[in-house]
N, C-alpha and C. Protein backbone atom coordinates (compact mmCIF):
# COMPACT_ATOMS: atom_id res chain seq x y z
N MET A 1 -23.31 58.46 85.72
CA MET A 1 -24.35 58.40 84.71
C MET A 1 -23.76 58.56 83.31
N PHE A 2 -22.85 59.52 83.13
CA PHE A 2 -22.22 59.74 81.84
C PHE A 2 -20.79 59.22 81.87
N GLU A 3 -20.32 58.79 80.70
CA GLU A 3 -18.92 58.39 80.61
C GLU A 3 -18.06 59.64 80.65
N PRO A 4 -16.88 59.56 81.23
CA PRO A 4 -16.02 60.74 81.28
C PRO A 4 -15.59 61.16 79.88
N VAL A 5 -15.48 62.45 79.71
CA VAL A 5 -15.06 63.02 78.44
C VAL A 5 -13.57 63.32 78.52
N ALA A 6 -12.85 62.99 77.46
CA ALA A 6 -11.42 63.25 77.44
C ALA A 6 -11.15 64.74 77.60
N ALA A 7 -10.12 65.05 78.35
CA ALA A 7 -9.78 66.46 78.59
C ALA A 7 -9.31 67.13 77.32
N ARG A 8 -8.80 66.35 76.39
CA ARG A 8 -8.28 66.91 75.15
C ARG A 8 -8.99 66.26 73.97
N TYR A 9 -9.54 67.06 73.10
CA TYR A 9 -10.26 66.58 71.91
C TYR A 9 -9.27 66.31 70.79
N ASP A 10 -9.34 65.13 70.21
CA ASP A 10 -8.48 64.77 69.09
C ASP A 10 -9.37 64.40 67.90
N GLY A 11 -9.78 65.41 67.14
CA GLY A 11 -10.68 65.21 66.01
C GLY A 11 -10.21 64.18 65.01
N PRO A 12 -8.97 64.27 64.53
CA PRO A 12 -8.49 63.28 63.55
C PRO A 12 -8.55 61.84 64.08
N GLU A 13 -8.22 61.65 65.35
CA GLU A 13 -8.27 60.30 65.92
C GLU A 13 -9.71 59.82 66.04
N LEU A 14 -10.61 60.70 66.43
CA LEU A 14 -12.03 60.35 66.51
C LEU A 14 -12.56 59.97 65.13
N GLU A 15 -12.23 60.76 64.13
CA GLU A 15 -12.67 60.47 62.76
C GLU A 15 -12.12 59.13 62.29
N LYS A 16 -10.87 58.85 62.57
CA LYS A 16 -10.26 57.58 62.18
C LYS A 16 -11.03 56.41 62.80
N GLY A 17 -11.37 56.54 64.08
CA GLY A 17 -12.13 55.48 64.76
C GLY A 17 -13.50 55.26 64.14
N ILE A 18 -14.17 56.35 63.79
CA ILE A 18 -15.49 56.24 63.16
C ILE A 18 -15.38 55.60 61.78
N LEU A 19 -14.41 56.04 60.99
CA LEU A 19 -14.21 55.44 59.66
C LEU A 19 -13.87 53.96 59.76
N ASP A 20 -13.04 53.59 60.72
CA ASP A 20 -12.70 52.17 60.92
C ASP A 20 -13.96 51.37 61.24
N LEU A 21 -14.81 51.90 62.12
CA LEU A 21 -16.06 51.22 62.46
C LEU A 21 -16.94 51.06 61.23
N TRP A 22 -17.11 52.11 60.44
CA TRP A 22 -17.96 52.05 59.25
C TRP A 22 -17.43 51.03 58.25
N ARG A 23 -16.12 50.96 58.10
CA ARG A 23 -15.54 49.97 57.18
C ARG A 23 -15.70 48.56 57.73
N ARG A 24 -15.36 48.39 58.97
CA ARG A 24 -15.40 47.06 59.59
C ARG A 24 -16.82 46.49 59.58
N GLU A 25 -17.80 47.31 59.87
CA GLU A 25 -19.19 46.86 59.95
C GLU A 25 -19.94 47.02 58.62
N ASP A 26 -19.28 47.52 57.59
CA ASP A 26 -19.88 47.78 56.28
C ASP A 26 -21.19 48.56 56.43
N ILE A 27 -21.13 49.63 57.18
CA ILE A 27 -22.33 50.41 57.50
C ILE A 27 -23.02 50.92 56.23
N PHE A 28 -22.25 51.51 55.31
CA PHE A 28 -22.88 52.06 54.11
C PHE A 28 -23.54 50.95 53.29
N GLY A 29 -22.86 49.83 53.12
CA GLY A 29 -23.43 48.71 52.37
C GLY A 29 -24.70 48.19 53.01
N ARG A 30 -24.71 48.12 54.33
CA ARG A 30 -25.90 47.65 55.04
C ARG A 30 -27.05 48.64 54.90
N ILE A 31 -26.74 49.92 54.96
CA ILE A 31 -27.79 50.94 54.80
C ILE A 31 -28.42 50.80 53.41
N MET A 32 -27.58 50.63 52.39
CA MET A 32 -28.09 50.50 51.02
C MET A 32 -28.91 49.22 50.87
N ALA A 33 -28.44 48.11 51.41
CA ALA A 33 -29.14 46.83 51.28
C ALA A 33 -30.46 46.82 52.05
N GLU A 34 -30.44 47.32 53.27
CA GLU A 34 -31.64 47.32 54.10
C GLU A 34 -32.68 48.31 53.60
N GLY A 35 -32.25 49.33 52.89
CA GLY A 35 -33.20 50.34 52.41
C GLY A 35 -33.77 50.06 51.04
N ALA A 36 -33.39 48.94 50.41
CA ALA A 36 -33.79 48.67 49.03
C ALA A 36 -35.31 48.62 48.85
N ALA A 37 -36.04 48.23 49.88
CA ALA A 37 -37.50 48.12 49.76
C ALA A 37 -38.21 49.44 50.04
N ARG A 38 -37.48 50.43 50.48
CA ARG A 38 -38.09 51.72 50.80
C ARG A 38 -38.36 52.53 49.54
N PRO A 39 -39.16 53.59 49.65
CA PRO A 39 -39.35 54.46 48.48
C PRO A 39 -38.00 54.99 48.01
N LYS A 40 -37.84 55.06 46.70
CA LYS A 40 -36.55 55.42 46.15
C LYS A 40 -36.45 56.92 45.88
N PHE A 41 -35.31 57.47 46.25
CA PHE A 41 -34.95 58.83 45.88
C PHE A 41 -33.56 58.73 45.27
N VAL A 42 -33.47 58.92 43.96
CA VAL A 42 -32.18 58.79 43.28
C VAL A 42 -31.58 60.17 43.09
N PHE A 43 -30.37 60.31 43.54
CA PHE A 43 -29.65 61.57 43.41
C PHE A 43 -28.58 61.39 42.35
N TYR A 44 -28.78 62.02 41.20
CA TYR A 44 -27.79 61.94 40.12
C TYR A 44 -26.83 63.11 40.26
N GLU A 45 -25.60 62.79 40.57
CA GLU A 45 -24.60 63.84 40.71
C GLU A 45 -23.98 64.11 39.35
N GLY A 46 -23.85 65.38 39.03
CA GLY A 46 -23.28 65.77 37.75
C GLY A 46 -21.80 65.46 37.66
N PRO A 47 -21.25 65.66 36.49
CA PRO A 47 -19.84 65.32 36.28
C PRO A 47 -18.92 66.29 37.01
N PRO A 48 -17.69 65.85 37.23
CA PRO A 48 -16.73 66.77 37.83
C PRO A 48 -16.40 67.90 36.88
N THR A 49 -15.95 69.00 37.43
CA THR A 49 -15.57 70.13 36.61
C THR A 49 -14.37 69.77 35.77
N ALA A 50 -14.50 69.90 34.46
CA ALA A 50 -13.41 69.50 33.57
C ALA A 50 -12.74 70.70 32.90
N ASN A 51 -13.22 71.88 33.19
CA ASN A 51 -12.69 73.05 32.49
C ASN A 51 -11.75 73.90 33.33
N GLY A 52 -11.32 73.38 34.44
CA GLY A 52 -10.39 74.15 35.26
C GLY A 52 -10.19 73.51 36.61
N ARG A 53 -9.39 74.15 37.42
CA ARG A 53 -9.12 73.64 38.75
C ARG A 53 -10.30 73.91 39.66
N PRO A 54 -10.60 73.00 40.59
CA PRO A 54 -11.68 73.25 41.53
C PRO A 54 -11.37 74.49 42.37
N GLY A 55 -12.40 75.23 42.68
CA GLY A 55 -12.25 76.43 43.49
C GLY A 55 -13.01 76.30 44.79
N ILE A 56 -12.83 77.27 45.66
CA ILE A 56 -13.49 77.24 46.96
C ILE A 56 -15.01 77.25 46.81
N HIS A 57 -15.51 77.86 45.73
CA HIS A 57 -16.96 77.91 45.52
C HIS A 57 -17.55 76.53 45.22
N HIS A 58 -16.73 75.56 44.86
CA HIS A 58 -17.22 74.21 44.62
C HIS A 58 -17.54 73.49 45.93
N VAL A 59 -16.98 73.97 47.04
CA VAL A 59 -17.17 73.31 48.32
C VAL A 59 -18.64 73.31 48.72
N LEU A 60 -19.33 74.41 48.54
CA LEU A 60 -20.74 74.49 48.91
C LEU A 60 -21.57 73.49 48.12
N ALA A 61 -21.34 73.42 46.81
CA ALA A 61 -22.09 72.47 45.98
C ALA A 61 -21.79 71.03 46.41
N ARG A 62 -20.52 70.72 46.66
CA ARG A 62 -20.15 69.37 47.08
C ARG A 62 -20.80 69.03 48.43
N THR A 63 -20.90 70.03 49.30
CA THR A 63 -21.52 69.81 50.61
C THR A 63 -22.98 69.42 50.44
N PHE A 64 -23.71 70.15 49.60
CA PHE A 64 -25.11 69.83 49.39
C PHE A 64 -25.29 68.49 48.68
N LYS A 65 -24.39 68.17 47.76
CA LYS A 65 -24.46 66.89 47.05
C LYS A 65 -24.21 65.72 48.00
N ASP A 66 -23.54 65.96 49.09
CA ASP A 66 -23.32 64.93 50.10
C ASP A 66 -24.43 64.94 51.14
N LEU A 67 -24.82 66.13 51.57
CA LEU A 67 -25.78 66.28 52.65
C LEU A 67 -27.19 65.83 52.28
N TYR A 68 -27.66 66.20 51.09
CA TYR A 68 -29.05 65.92 50.75
C TYR A 68 -29.35 64.42 50.65
N PRO A 69 -28.51 63.60 50.00
CA PRO A 69 -28.79 62.16 50.02
C PRO A 69 -28.76 61.57 51.44
N ARG A 70 -27.88 62.08 52.29
CA ARG A 70 -27.85 61.60 53.67
C ARG A 70 -29.17 61.94 54.37
N TYR A 71 -29.63 63.16 54.16
CA TYR A 71 -30.90 63.60 54.77
C TYR A 71 -32.05 62.72 54.30
N LYS A 72 -32.13 62.48 52.99
CA LYS A 72 -33.22 61.67 52.45
C LYS A 72 -33.15 60.23 52.98
N THR A 73 -31.94 59.71 53.15
CA THR A 73 -31.78 58.37 53.73
C THR A 73 -32.31 58.35 55.15
N MET A 74 -31.98 59.37 55.93
CA MET A 74 -32.46 59.44 57.32
C MET A 74 -33.96 59.65 57.39
N ARG A 75 -34.56 60.16 56.33
CA ARG A 75 -36.01 60.37 56.29
C ARG A 75 -36.75 59.15 55.76
N GLY A 76 -36.02 58.04 55.55
CA GLY A 76 -36.68 56.79 55.20
C GLY A 76 -36.64 56.40 53.74
N PHE A 77 -35.89 57.10 52.93
CA PHE A 77 -35.80 56.77 51.51
C PHE A 77 -34.59 55.88 51.24
N HIS A 78 -34.72 55.06 50.20
CA HIS A 78 -33.56 54.33 49.68
C HIS A 78 -32.92 55.30 48.69
N CYS A 79 -31.70 55.68 48.96
CA CYS A 79 -31.08 56.76 48.20
C CYS A 79 -29.74 56.32 47.61
N PRO A 80 -29.78 55.54 46.51
CA PRO A 80 -28.51 55.18 45.88
C PRO A 80 -27.86 56.42 45.28
N ARG A 81 -26.56 56.49 45.41
CA ARG A 81 -25.83 57.63 44.84
C ARG A 81 -25.36 57.24 43.45
N LYS A 82 -25.73 58.01 42.46
CA LYS A 82 -25.37 57.73 41.07
C LYS A 82 -24.51 58.86 40.54
N ALA A 83 -23.30 58.53 40.16
CA ALA A 83 -22.43 59.54 39.57
C ALA A 83 -22.81 59.72 38.11
N GLY A 84 -23.11 60.93 37.72
CA GLY A 84 -23.49 61.20 36.35
C GLY A 84 -22.30 61.61 35.52
N TRP A 85 -22.48 61.61 34.23
CA TRP A 85 -21.43 62.07 33.33
C TRP A 85 -22.09 62.77 32.16
N ASP A 86 -21.54 63.85 31.77
CA ASP A 86 -22.06 64.63 30.66
C ASP A 86 -21.67 63.92 29.37
N THR A 87 -22.56 63.07 28.86
CA THR A 87 -22.21 62.25 27.69
C THR A 87 -22.22 63.04 26.40
N HIS A 88 -22.58 64.29 26.44
CA HIS A 88 -22.52 65.12 25.24
C HIS A 88 -21.45 66.19 25.37
N GLY A 89 -20.49 65.93 26.21
CA GLY A 89 -19.43 66.90 26.45
C GLY A 89 -18.08 66.39 26.02
N LEU A 90 -17.12 66.60 26.87
CA LEU A 90 -15.73 66.29 26.53
C LEU A 90 -15.48 64.83 26.16
N PRO A 91 -16.08 63.84 26.83
CA PRO A 91 -15.80 62.46 26.42
C PRO A 91 -16.18 62.18 24.97
N VAL A 92 -17.31 62.71 24.53
CA VAL A 92 -17.74 62.52 23.14
C VAL A 92 -16.80 63.26 22.19
N GLU A 93 -16.45 64.48 22.54
CA GLU A 93 -15.53 65.25 21.69
C GLU A 93 -14.20 64.52 21.52
N HIS A 94 -13.70 63.95 22.60
CA HIS A 94 -12.42 63.23 22.52
C HIS A 94 -12.53 62.02 21.59
N GLU A 95 -13.65 61.32 21.64
CA GLU A 95 -13.83 60.16 20.76
C GLU A 95 -13.87 60.58 19.29
N ILE A 96 -14.56 61.67 19.00
CA ILE A 96 -14.63 62.16 17.62
C ILE A 96 -13.26 62.64 17.17
N GLU A 97 -12.53 63.31 18.05
CA GLU A 97 -11.16 63.73 17.71
C GLU A 97 -10.30 62.52 17.37
N LYS A 98 -10.45 61.43 18.13
CA LYS A 98 -9.69 60.20 17.83
C LYS A 98 -10.06 59.66 16.46
N GLU A 99 -11.37 59.62 16.17
CA GLU A 99 -11.82 59.12 14.86
C GLU A 99 -11.25 59.97 13.72
N LEU A 100 -11.23 61.27 13.92
CA LEU A 100 -10.72 62.18 12.88
C LEU A 100 -9.19 62.22 12.84
N GLY A 101 -8.57 61.84 13.94
CA GLY A 101 -7.12 61.94 14.02
C GLY A 101 -6.64 63.37 14.15
N ILE A 102 -7.51 64.24 14.64
CA ILE A 102 -7.18 65.67 14.81
C ILE A 102 -7.41 66.02 16.27
N PHE A 103 -6.38 66.57 16.92
CA PHE A 103 -6.50 66.89 18.34
C PHE A 103 -6.28 68.38 18.62
N ASP A 104 -6.17 69.17 17.59
CA ASP A 104 -5.97 70.60 17.72
C ASP A 104 -7.28 71.30 17.36
N LYS A 105 -7.81 72.08 18.28
CA LYS A 105 -9.11 72.73 18.06
C LYS A 105 -9.11 73.64 16.83
N ARG A 106 -8.01 74.32 16.60
CA ARG A 106 -7.95 75.20 15.42
C ARG A 106 -8.04 74.40 14.13
N ARG A 107 -7.37 73.26 14.10
CA ARG A 107 -7.43 72.40 12.90
C ARG A 107 -8.85 71.86 12.69
N ILE A 108 -9.51 71.52 13.78
CA ILE A 108 -10.89 71.05 13.67
C ILE A 108 -11.76 72.14 13.06
N GLU A 109 -11.61 73.37 13.56
CA GLU A 109 -12.39 74.49 13.02
C GLU A 109 -12.10 74.71 11.54
N GLN A 110 -10.84 74.64 11.15
CA GLN A 110 -10.45 74.94 9.77
C GLN A 110 -10.76 73.78 8.82
N GLU A 111 -10.46 72.55 9.22
CA GLU A 111 -10.56 71.42 8.31
C GLU A 111 -11.91 70.71 8.34
N VAL A 112 -12.56 70.73 9.49
CA VAL A 112 -13.84 70.01 9.63
C VAL A 112 -14.99 71.00 9.72
N GLY A 113 -14.79 72.07 10.46
CA GLY A 113 -15.84 73.05 10.69
C GLY A 113 -16.60 72.74 11.97
N ILE A 114 -16.98 73.79 12.66
CA ILE A 114 -17.66 73.62 13.95
C ILE A 114 -18.99 72.90 13.77
N ALA A 115 -19.77 73.28 12.76
CA ALA A 115 -21.09 72.67 12.56
C ALA A 115 -20.95 71.17 12.29
N SER A 116 -20.01 70.80 11.45
CA SER A 116 -19.81 69.38 11.14
C SER A 116 -19.31 68.61 12.36
N PHE A 117 -18.37 69.19 13.08
CA PHE A 117 -17.84 68.54 14.28
C PHE A 117 -18.95 68.33 15.31
N THR A 118 -19.76 69.36 15.52
CA THR A 118 -20.87 69.27 16.48
C THR A 118 -21.86 68.20 16.05
N ALA A 119 -22.17 68.14 14.76
CA ALA A 119 -23.10 67.12 14.25
C ALA A 119 -22.55 65.72 14.50
N GLN A 120 -21.25 65.54 14.31
CA GLN A 120 -20.65 64.22 14.55
C GLN A 120 -20.69 63.85 16.03
N CYS A 121 -20.60 64.85 16.88
CA CYS A 121 -20.66 64.59 18.33
C CYS A 121 -22.06 64.17 18.77
N ARG A 122 -23.05 64.52 18.00
CA ARG A 122 -24.42 64.15 18.37
C ARG A 122 -24.68 62.73 17.99
């Protein structure tokens, strides 16, 4: 009635087989295409941490950011994953620094001023 189970479990090999199947059959692409007519649930993921190295505490957040869209998809929603970016953060500051030709925070504080620099970033 049941297929025999291997005496030894090889997790990495099993995962490789599943990933190969998903790639070969374009499972994710098909899920997204077939679900386009369903009610939409858009999950906007925030930007990656830019102020330091990732820590173990980031694992829980990453898990939920992966798990919840999967859950909503299984519940019948079309759930495109959208990577967000903090457009009022570091990318904008870097562009203003380029325009000013100043890349040292102390020089920005002394020569431009925090209020002026912040206003330019807006």
